[in-house]
Amino acid sequence: MATSSITFNPEELIGKINELEKVLLPKAATNALHKAVFETSRELSKRAGTTFTHTVPFTLKSFLYRKPTPIADGIEAAVFIRDDAPKGNAPADYLSPQLTGGSVYRTRFQKRLERKGILGGEMDQYMMPALQGDRLKKGEYTRALWGIRAMEDVRVQGPMNKKRGYRTSGQYVWVPPNLSGIVGAEGHAGYIRGLNKGKIPKAGIYKVLKSGLRQKFISLNYTPTVSRKFDFLAIAEDSVGDIFEAELIKNLKR
């Protein structure tokens, strides 16, 4: 992605060079550029840690560099954001809106909800944690995703008894913004009322507890947008330029 990778060429950083400098430059420039992209990847990670809230180690370690390699007319190196992930979402993808502004990234969680029929279609919804500022426990997204009953399979279930709680304790239920037109709407509405003391709660995803329903995700009828929060390109360009110049002078004086 253009917004998550930037390459650097020594000659572009220092401008025109004479024939003598071309002989002396390669090794010094290679060492200086290597140091510059390495330190810049660390600077980006540091800045991200102070800019974003609730960052995880995987995100902070996703600012990488490619050491200098030969090209047709010299050498080049790069600083970039990791664009793959063994599990979950790639940092280059979910950080992209923070680099450019625009609609928030639709995570795997959002996309899988769509495939289950929870989102999408006529109701363009977006699910987000109900308690802003609080991180959900590890695995909450997965448990919510696979714990939601498909609408067609919903059965009306009331409490078993006051001591043992509900049959479905620990399960997750989806309350759509508008029940009309949804498959199994009547049964679903009755099921939700049975779990929530006869009332239909606000749209979202809830966890069933012995005491009733606890909202875990709220349902928005639009996709949120964000303004640019992290100027990756500017930080990378400034950092590499400053470090390269200082390191090049050091290397040429040796």
C-alpha atoms as a PDB file:
ATOM      1  CA  MET A   1       0.000   0.000   0.000  1.00  0.00           C
ATOM      2  CA  ALA A   2       1.325   3.446  -0.943  1.00  0.00           C
ATOM      3  CA  THR A   3       0.448   4.854   2.464  1.00  0.00           C
ATOM      4  CA  SER A   4       2.280   2.173   4.445  1.00  0.00           C
ATOM      5  CA  SER A   5       5.627   1.911   2.654  1.00  0.00           C
ATOM      6  CA  ILE A   6       8.296   4.396   1.592  1.00  0.00           C
ATOM      7  CA  THR A   7      11.631   3.774  -0.130  1.00  0.00           C
ATOM      8  CA  PHE A   8      14.820   5.807   0.146  1.00  0.00           C
ATOM      9  CA  ASN A   9      17.725   6.246  -2.270  1.00  0.00           C
ATOM     10  CA  PRO A  10      20.967   7.873  -1.023  1.00  0.00           C
ATOM     11  CA  GLU A  11      21.439  10.028  -4.114  1.00  0.00           C
ATOM     12  CA  GLU A  12      17.950  11.424  -3.724  1.00  0.00           C
ATOM     13  CA  LEU A  13      18.705  12.253  -0.099  1.00  0.00           C
ATOM     14  CA  ILE A  14      22.008  14.067  -0.721  1.00  0.00           C
ATOM     15  CA  GLY A  15      21.493  15.414  -4.227  1.00  0.00           C
ATOM     16  CA  LYS A  16      24.115  15.452  -6.976  1.00  0.00           C
ATOM     17  CA  ILE A  17      27.522  13.984  -6.214  1.00  0.00           C
ATOM     18  CA  ASN A  18      30.825  14.232  -8.062  1.00  0.00           C
ATOM     19  CA  GLU A  19      32.915  11.401  -9.473  1.00  0.00           C
ATOM     20  CA  LEU A  20      35.237  11.188  -6.441  1.00  0.00           C
ATOM     21  CA  GLU A  21      32.305  11.054  -4.064  1.00  0.00           C
ATOM     22  CA  LYS A  22      30.802   8.221  -6.119  1.00  0.00           C
ATOM     23  CA  VAL A  23      33.886   6.156  -5.284  1.00  0.00           C
ATOM     24  CA  LEU A  24      33.815   6.960  -1.560  1.00  0.00           C
ATOM     25  CA  LEU A  25      30.068   7.036  -1.069  1.00  0.00           C
ATOM     26  CA  PRO A  26      28.697   3.483  -1.524  1.00  0.00           C
ATOM     27  CA  LYS A  27      29.878   1.885   1.717  1.00  0.00           C
ATOM     28  CA  ALA A  28      29.330   4.999   3.819  1.00  0.00           C
ATOM     29  CA  ALA A  29      25.885   5.546   2.320  1.00  0.00           C
ATOM     30  CA  THR A  30      24.899   1.925   2.796  1.00  0.00           C
ATOM     31  CA  ASN A  31      25.850   1.998   6.466  1.00  0.00           C
ATOM     32  CA  ALA A  32      24.166   5.363   7.006  1.00  0.00           C
ATOM     33  CA  LEU A  33      20.974   4.329   5.230  1.00  0.00           C
ATOM     34  CA  HIS A  34      20.810   1.053   7.145  1.00  0.00           C
ATOM     35  CA  LYS A  35      21.111   2.943  10.424  1.00  0.00           C
ATOM     36  CA  ALA A  36      18.503   5.486   9.282  1.00  0.00           C
ATOM     37  CA  VAL A  37      15.761   3.001   8.360  1.00  0.00           C
ATOM     38  CA  PHE A  38      16.445   0.882  11.451  1.00  0.00           C
ATOM     39  CA  GLU A  39      16.165   3.855  13.820  1.00  0.00           C
ATOM     40  CA  THR A  40      13.141   5.183  11.929  1.00  0.00           C
ATOM     41  CA  SER A  41      11.245   1.908  12.390  1.00  0.00           C
ATOM     42  CA  ARG A  42      11.875   2.248  16.123  1.00  0.00           C
ATOM     43  CA  GLU A  43      10.787   5.886  16.086  1.00  0.00           C
ATOM     44  CA  LEU A  44       7.542   4.991  14.301  1.00  0.00           C
ATOM     45  CA  SER A  45       6.815   2.327  16.907  1.00  0.00           C
ATOM     46  CA  LYS A  46       7.497   4.802  19.709  1.00  0.00           C
ATOM     47  CA  ARG A  47       5.273   7.472  18.138  1.00  0.00           C
ATOM     48  CA  ALA A  48       2.489   4.946  17.569  1.00  0.00           C
ATOM     49  CA  GLY A  49       2.622   3.977  21.237  1.00  0.00           C
ATOM     50  CA  THR A  50       2.026   7.591  22.296  1.00  0.00           C
ATOM     51  CA  THR A  51      -0.533   8.370  19.566  1.00  0.00           C
ATOM     52  CA  PHE A  52      -2.885   5.384  19.685  1.00  0.00           C
ATOM     53  CA  THR A  53      -4.780   4.096  22.709  1.00  0.00           C
ATOM     54  CA  HIS A  54      -4.886   0.453  23.791  1.00  0.00           C
ATOM     55  CA  THR A  55      -2.113  -0.603  21.419  1.00  0.00           C
ATOM     56  CA  VAL A  56      -0.964  -4.215  21.485  1.00  0.00           C
ATOM     57  CA  PRO A  57       2.632  -5.449  21.043  1.00  0.00           C
ATOM     58  CA  PHE A  58       1.795  -6.876  17.603  1.00  0.00           C
ATOM     59  CA  THR A  59       0.855  -3.403  16.319  1.00  0.00           C
ATOM     60  CA  LEU A  60       3.896  -1.685  17.808  1.00  0.00           C
ATOM     61  CA  LYS A  61       6.184  -4.324  16.299  1.00  0.00           C
ATOM     62  CA  SER A  62       4.614  -3.952  12.851  1.00  0.00           C
ATOM     63  CA  PHE A  63       6.786  -0.978  11.813  1.00  0.00           C
ATOM     64  CA  LEU A  64       9.514  -2.695   9.835  1.00  0.00           C
ATOM     65  CA  TYR A  65      12.388  -1.816   7.533  1.00  0.00           C
ATOM     66  CA  ARG A  66      14.139  -3.373   4.567  1.00  0.00           C
ATOM     67  CA  LYS A  67      17.895  -2.955   4.701  1.00  0.00           C
ATOM     68  CA  PRO A  68      19.758  -1.353   1.759  1.00  0.00           C
ATOM     69  CA  THR A  69      19.951  -3.487  -1.351  1.00  0.00           C
ATOM     70  CA  PRO A  70      21.586  -2.825  -4.751  1.00  0.00           C
ATOM     71  CA  ILE A  71      19.449  -1.468  -7.597  1.00  0.00           C
ATOM     72  CA  ALA A  72      20.342  -0.498 -11.162  1.00  0.00           C
ATOM     73  CA  ASP A  73      21.781   2.925 -10.275  1.00  0.00           C
ATOM     74  CA  GLY A  74      22.729   2.529  -6.611  1.00  0.00           C
ATOM     75  CA  ILE A  75      21.078   1.224  -3.459  1.00  0.00           C
ATOM     76  CA  GLU A  76      17.741   1.698  -1.742  1.00  0.00           C
ATOM     77  CA  ALA A  77      16.043   0.795   1.511  1.00  0.00           C
ATOM     78  CA  ALA A  78      12.473   0.990   2.789  1.00  0.00           C
ATOM     79  CA  VAL A  79      10.373   1.544   5.886  1.00  0.00           C
ATOM     80  CA  PHE A  80       6.948  -0.097   5.898  1.00  0.00           C
ATOM     81  CA  ILE A  81       4.071  -1.423   7.978  1.00  0.00           C
ATOM     82  CA  ARG A  82       3.563  -5.158   8.099  1.00  0.00           C
ATOM     83  CA  ASP A  83       0.917  -6.168   5.552  1.00  0.00           C
ATOM     84  CA  ASP A  84       0.295  -9.750   6.662  1.00  0.00           C
ATOM     85  CA  ALA A  85      -0.819 -11.486   9.846  1.00  0.00           C
ATOM     86  CA  PRO A  86      -0.788 -15.183  10.826  1.00  0.00           C
ATOM     87  CA  LYS A  87      -4.170 -14.626  12.468  1.00  0.00           C
ATOM     88  CA  GLY A  88      -6.554 -11.705  12.507  1.00  0.00           C
ATOM     89  CA  ASN A  89      -6.037  -8.457  10.595  1.00  0.00           C
ATOM     90  CA  ALA A  90      -2.881  -7.116   8.957  1.00  0.00           C
ATOM     91  CA  PRO A  91      -1.548  -3.923  10.617  1.00  0.00           C
ATOM     92  CA  ALA A  92      -1.134  -2.152   7.253  1.00  0.00           C
ATOM     93  CA  ASP A  93      -4.863  -2.676   6.672  1.00  0.00           C
ATOM     94  CA  TYR A  94      -6.329  -1.705  10.032  1.00  0.00           C
ATOM     95  CA  LEU A  95      -3.944   1.245  10.472  1.00  0.00           C
ATOM     96  CA  SER A  96      -4.630   2.600   6.983  1.00  0.00           C
ATOM     97  CA  PRO A  97      -7.609   4.833   7.987  1.00  0.00           C
ATOM     98  CA  GLN A  98      -5.423   6.320  10.735  1.00  0.00           C
ATOM     99  CA  LEU A  99      -2.804   7.247   8.110  1.00  0.00           C
ATOM    100  CA  THR A 100      -5.129   8.778   5.536  1.00  0.00           C
ATOM    101  CA  GLY A 101      -8.502   9.378   7.206  1.00  0.00           C
ATOM    102  CA  GLY A 102     -11.814   7.936   6.017  1.00  0.00           C
ATOM    103  CA  SER A 103     -14.042   5.001   6.925  1.00  0.00           C
ATOM    104  CA  VAL A 104     -12.781   2.760   9.700  1.00  0.00           C
ATOM    105  CA  TYR A 105     -11.363  -0.594   8.666  1.00  0.00           C
ATOM    106  CA  ARG A 106     -13.895  -3.409   8.531  1.00  0.00           C
ATOM    107  CA  THR A 107     -12.211  -6.132  10.555  1.00  0.00           C
ATOM    108  CA  ARG A 108     -12.548  -9.891  10.176  1.00  0.00           C
ATOM    109  CA  PHE A 109     -15.099  -9.724  12.958  1.00  0.00           C
ATOM    110  CA  GLN A 110     -17.252  -7.317  10.932  1.00  0.00           C
ATOM    111  CA  LYS A 111     -16.896  -9.352   7.739  1.00  0.00           C
ATOM    112  CA  ARG A 112     -17.777 -12.630   9.445  1.00  0.00           C
ATOM    113  CA  LEU A 113     -20.829 -11.040  11.033  1.00  0.00           C
ATOM    114  CA  GLU A 114     -21.894 -10.050   7.527  1.00  0.00           C
ATOM    115  CA  ARG A 115     -21.443 -13.607   6.284  1.00  0.00           C
ATOM    116  CA  LYS A 116     -23.581 -14.880   9.164  1.00  0.00           C
ATOM    117  CA  GLY A 117     -26.318 -12.466   8.103  1.00  0.00           C
ATOM    118  CA  ILE A 118     -25.879 -10.291  11.188  1.00  0.00           C
ATOM    119  CA  LEU A 119     -24.704  -7.279   9.183  1.00  0.00           C
ATOM    120  CA  GLY A 120     -25.003  -6.082   5.612  1.00  0.00           C
ATOM    121  CA  GLY A 121     -27.893  -6.214   3.184  1.00  0.00           C
ATOM    122  CA  GLU A 122     -30.465  -3.491   3.721  1.00  0.00           C
ATOM    123  CA  MET A 123     -29.156  -2.793   7.218  1.00  0.00           C
ATOM    124  CA  ASP A 124     -25.642  -1.442   6.786  1.00  0.00           C
ATOM    125  CA  GLN A 125     -24.517  -1.805  10.382  1.00  0.00           C
ATOM    126  CA  TYR A 126     -21.232  -1.590  12.202  1.00  0.00           C
ATOM    127  CA  MET A 127     -20.633  -3.310  15.538  1.00  0.00           C
ATOM    128  CA  MET A 128     -18.345  -1.698  18.081  1.00  0.00           C
ATOM    129  CA  PRO A 129     -17.594  -2.440  21.771  1.00  0.00           C
ATOM    130  CA  ALA A 130     -20.310  -1.088  24.033  1.00  0.00           C
ATOM    131  CA  LEU A 131     -17.913   0.290  26.629  1.00  0.00           C
ATOM    132  CA  GLN A 132     -15.656   2.782  24.877  1.00  0.00           C
ATOM    133  CA  GLY A 133     -12.241   3.065  26.484  1.00  0.00           C
ATOM    134  CA  ASP A 134     -12.420  -0.513  27.796  1.00  0.00           C
ATOM    135  CA  ARG A 135     -10.812  -3.365  25.910  1.00  0.00           C
ATOM    136  CA  LEU A 136     -12.789  -6.546  25.576  1.00  0.00           C
ATOM    137  CA  LYS A 137     -11.239  -9.633  27.130  1.00  0.00           C
ATOM    138  CA  LYS A 138      -9.115 -11.827  24.899  1.00  0.00           C
ATOM    139  CA  GLY A 139     -11.318 -14.076  22.780  1.00  0.00           C
ATOM    140  CA  GLU A 140     -14.484 -12.016  23.318  1.00  0.00           C
ATOM    141  CA  TYR A 141     -14.826 -11.310  19.592  1.00  0.00           C
ATOM    142  CA  THR A 142     -14.499 -14.983  18.725  1.00  0.00           C
ATOM    143  CA  ARG A 143     -16.908 -16.098  21.444  1.00  0.00           C
ATOM    144  CA  ALA A 144     -19.441 -13.499  20.361  1.00  0.00           C
ATOM    145  CA  LEU A 145     -19.067 -14.440  16.714  1.00  0.00           C
ATOM    146  CA  TRP A 146     -19.594 -18.161  17.141  1.00  0.00           C
ATOM    147  CA  GLY A 147     -21.983 -17.897  20.095  1.00  0.00           C
ATOM    148  CA  ILE A 148     -24.712 -16.010  18.238  1.00  0.00           C
ATOM    149  CA  ARG A 149     -27.631 -18.167  17.159  1.00  0.00           C
ATOM    150  CA  ALA A 150     -28.679 -17.991  13.533  1.00  0.00           C
ATOM    151  CA  MET A 151     -32.075 -16.308  13.287  1.00  0.00           C
ATOM    152  CA  GLU A 152     -33.725 -19.406  11.807  1.00  0.00           C
ATOM    153  CA  ASP A 153     -32.672 -21.523  14.805  1.00  0.00           C
ATOM    154  CA  VAL A 154     -33.932 -19.233  17.536  1.00  0.00           C
ATOM    155  CA  ARG A 155     -36.250 -20.826  20.047  1.00  0.00           C
ATOM    156  CA  VAL A 156     -38.167 -18.999  22.759  1.00  0.00           C
ATOM    157  CA  GLN A 157     -36.542 -19.870  26.071  1.00  0.00           C
ATOM    158  CA  GLY A 158     -37.332 -18.433  29.453  1.00  0.00           C
ATOM    159  CA  PRO A 159     -35.461 -18.904  32.733  1.00  0.00           C
ATOM    160  CA  MET A 160     -34.977 -22.471  33.994  1.00  0.00           C
ATOM    161  CA  ASN A 161     -35.208 -21.300  37.612  1.00  0.00           C
ATOM    162  CA  LYS A 162     -33.820 -18.564  39.791  1.00  0.00           C
ATOM    163  CA  LYS A 163     -30.985 -20.661  41.211  1.00  0.00           C
ATOM    164  CA  ARG A 164     -29.571 -22.127  38.016  1.00  0.00           C
ATOM    165  CA  GLY A 165     -30.239 -19.172  35.769  1.00  0.00           C
ATOM    166  CA  TYR A 166     -30.954 -19.380  32.041  1.00  0.00           C
ATOM    167  CA  ARG A 167     -30.401 -22.408  29.872  1.00  0.00           C
ATOM    168  CA  THR A 168     -28.399 -20.183  27.532  1.00  0.00           C
ATOM    169  CA  SER A 169     -26.106 -18.609  30.134  1.00  0.00           C
ATOM    170  CA  GLY A 170     -22.790 -17.678  28.490  1.00  0.00           C
ATOM    171  CA  GLN A 171     -24.329 -17.507  25.028  1.00  0.00           C
ATOM    172  CA  TYR A 172     -24.495 -14.355  22.878  1.00  0.00           C
ATOM    173  CA  VAL A 173     -27.616 -12.955  21.246  1.00  0.00           C
ATOM    174  CA  TRP A 174     -28.084 -10.399  18.504  1.00  0.00           C
ATOM    175  CA  VAL A 175     -30.749  -7.716  18.720  1.00  0.00           C
ATOM    176  CA  PRO A 176     -31.207  -6.165  15.247  1.00  0.00           C
ATOM    177  CA  PRO A 177     -32.198  -2.481  14.845  1.00  0.00           C
ATOM    178  CA  ASN A 178     -35.516  -3.480  13.313  1.00  0.00           C
ATOM    179  CA  LEU A 179     -37.050  -6.931  13.711  1.00  0.00           C
ATOM    180  CA  SER A 180     -39.515  -6.527  10.844  1.00  0.00           C
ATOM    181  CA  GLY A 181     -38.565  -8.490   7.770  1.00  0.00           C
ATOM    182  CA  ILE A 182     -36.041 -10.657   9.617  1.00  0.00           C
ATOM    183  CA  VAL A 183     -36.358 -14.428   9.331  1.00  0.00           C
ATOM    184  CA  GLY A 184     -37.622 -15.798  12.635  1.00  0.00           C
ATOM    185  CA  ALA A 185     -38.389 -12.280  13.907  1.00  0.00           C
ATOM    186  CA  GLU A 186     -41.351 -13.318  16.055  1.00  0.00           C
ATOM    187  CA  GLY A 187     -39.463 -16.129  17.755  1.00  0.00           C
ATOM    188  CA  HIS A 188     -36.392 -13.962  18.154  1.00  0.00           C
ATOM    189  CA  ALA A 189     -38.361 -11.138  19.775  1.00  0.00           C
ATOM    190  CA  GLY A 190     -39.957 -13.562  22.234  1.00  0.00           C
ATOM    191  CA  TYR A 191     -36.608 -15.129  22.991  1.00  0.00           C
ATOM    192  CA  ILE A 192     -35.015 -11.741  23.749  1.00  0.00           C
ATOM    193  CA  ARG A 193     -37.952 -10.702  25.936  1.00  0.00           C
ATOM    194  CA  GLY A 194     -37.629 -13.933  27.891  1.00  0.00           C
ATOM    195  CA  LEU A 195     -33.985 -13.152  28.615  1.00  0.00           C
ATOM    196  CA  ASN A 196     -34.503  -9.478  29.360  1.00  0.00           C
ATOM    197  CA  LYS A 197     -37.447  -9.382  31.749  1.00  0.00           C
ATOM    198  CA  GLY A 198     -40.016  -8.966  29.002  1.00  0.00           C
ATOM    199  CA  LYS A 199     -38.330  -6.032  27.239  1.00  0.00           C
ATOM    200  CA  ILE A 200     -36.584  -5.696  23.875  1.00  0.00           C
ATOM    201  CA  PRO A 201     -33.198  -4.019  24.520  1.00  0.00           C
ATOM    202  CA  LYS A 202     -31.409  -1.626  22.161  1.00  0.00           C
ATOM    203  CA  ALA A 203     -29.773  -2.989  19.009  1.00  0.00           C
ATOM    204  CA  GLY A 204     -26.475  -4.774  19.526  1.00  0.00           C
ATOM    205  CA  ILE A 205     -24.861  -8.019  20.666  1.00  0.00           C
ATOM    206  CA  TYR A 206     -25.458  -9.169  24.237  1.00  0.00           C
ATOM    207  CA  LYS A 207     -24.022 -11.849  26.476  1.00  0.00           C
ATOM    208  CA  VAL A 208     -26.534 -13.925  28.416  1.00  0.00           C
ATOM    209  CA  LEU A 209     -25.800 -13.957  32.138  1.00  0.00           C
ATOM    210  CA  LYS A 210     -27.738 -15.489  35.009  1.00  0.00           C
ATOM    211  CA  SER A 211     -28.909 -11.998  35.899  1.00  0.00           C
ATOM    212  CA  GLY A 212     -30.043 -11.174  32.354  1.00  0.00           C
ATOM    213  CA  LEU A 213     -28.456  -9.589  29.273  1.00  0.00           C
ATOM    214  CA  ARG A 214     -25.246  -7.575  29.258  1.00  0.00           C
ATOM    215  CA  GLN A 215     -24.478  -5.528  26.155  1.00  0.00           C
ATOM    216  CA  LYS A 216     -21.050  -6.237  24.639  1.00  0.00           C
ATOM    217  CA  PHE A 217     -21.376  -4.515  21.256  1.00  0.00           C
ATOM    218  CA  ILE A 218     -23.537  -1.637  20.131  1.00  0.00           C
ATOM    219  CA  SER A 219     -24.990  -1.548  16.621  1.00  0.00           C
ATOM    220  CA  LEU A 220     -24.524   1.546  14.469  1.00  0.00           C
ATOM    221  CA  ASN A 221     -26.526   2.051  11.279  1.00  0.00           C
ATOM    222  CA  TYR A 222     -23.496   3.590   9.561  1.00  0.00           C
ATOM    223  CA  THR A 223     -19.763   2.977   9.241  1.00  0.00           C
ATOM    224  CA  PRO A 224     -17.773   5.375  11.456  1.00  0.00           C
ATOM    225  CA  THR A 225     -15.079   7.593   9.942  1.00  0.00           C
ATOM    226  CA  VAL A 226     -11.823   8.855  11.421  1.00  0.00           C
ATOM    227  CA  SER A 227      -9.521  11.749  10.605  1.00  0.00           C
ATOM    228  CA  ARG A 228      -5.833  11.180   9.911  1.00  0.00           C
ATOM    229  CA  LYS A 229      -4.158  10.576  13.230  1.00  0.00           C
ATOM    230  CA  PHE A 230      -0.706   9.262  12.352  1.00  0.00           C
ATOM    231  CA  ASP A 231       1.330  10.816   9.488  1.00  0.00           C
ATOM    232  CA  PHE A 232       3.436   7.792   8.660  1.00  0.00           C
ATOM    233  CA  LEU A 233       5.040   9.260   5.525  1.00  0.00           C
ATOM    234  CA  ALA A 234       6.009  12.569   7.117  1.00  0.00           C
ATOM    235  CA  ILE A 235       7.486  10.905  10.203  1.00  0.00           C
ATOM    236  CA  ALA A 236       9.434   8.417   8.071  1.00  0.00           C
ATOM    237  CA  GLU A 237      10.767  11.024   5.650  1.00  0.00           C
ATOM    238  CA  ASP A 238      11.878  13.442   8.367  1.00  0.00           C
ATOM    239  CA  SER A 239      13.454  10.741  10.518  1.00  0.00           C
ATOM    240  CA  VAL A 240      15.332   8.998   7.696  1.00  0.00           C
ATOM    241  CA  GLY A 241      16.542  12.297   6.245  1.00  0.00           C
ATOM    242  CA  ASP A 242      17.920  13.582   9.557  1.00  0.00           C
ATOM    243  CA  ILE A 243      19.518  10.311  10.662  1.00  0.00           C
ATOM    244  CA  PHE A 244      20.979   9.534   7.226  1.00  0.00           C
ATOM    245  CA  GLU A 245      22.686  12.920   6.985  1.00  0.00           C
ATOM    246  CA  ALA A 246      24.228  12.659  10.454  1.00  0.00           C
ATOM    247  CA  GLU A 247      25.333   9.044   9.953  1.00  0.00           C
ATOM    248  CA  LEU A 248      26.764   9.732   6.490  1.00  0.00           C
ATOM    249  CA  ILE A 249      29.010  12.477   7.868  1.00  0.00           C
ATOM    250  CA  LYS A 250      30.192  10.139  10.638  1.00  0.00           C
ATOM    251  CA  ASN A 251      30.959   7.351   8.172  1.00  0.00           C
ATOM    252  CA  LEU A 252      32.820   9.607   5.726  1.00  0.00           C
ATOM    253  CA  LYS A 253      35.040  10.955   8.529  1.00  0.00           C
ATOM    254  CA  ARG A 254      36.171   7.487   9.609  1.00  0.00           C
END
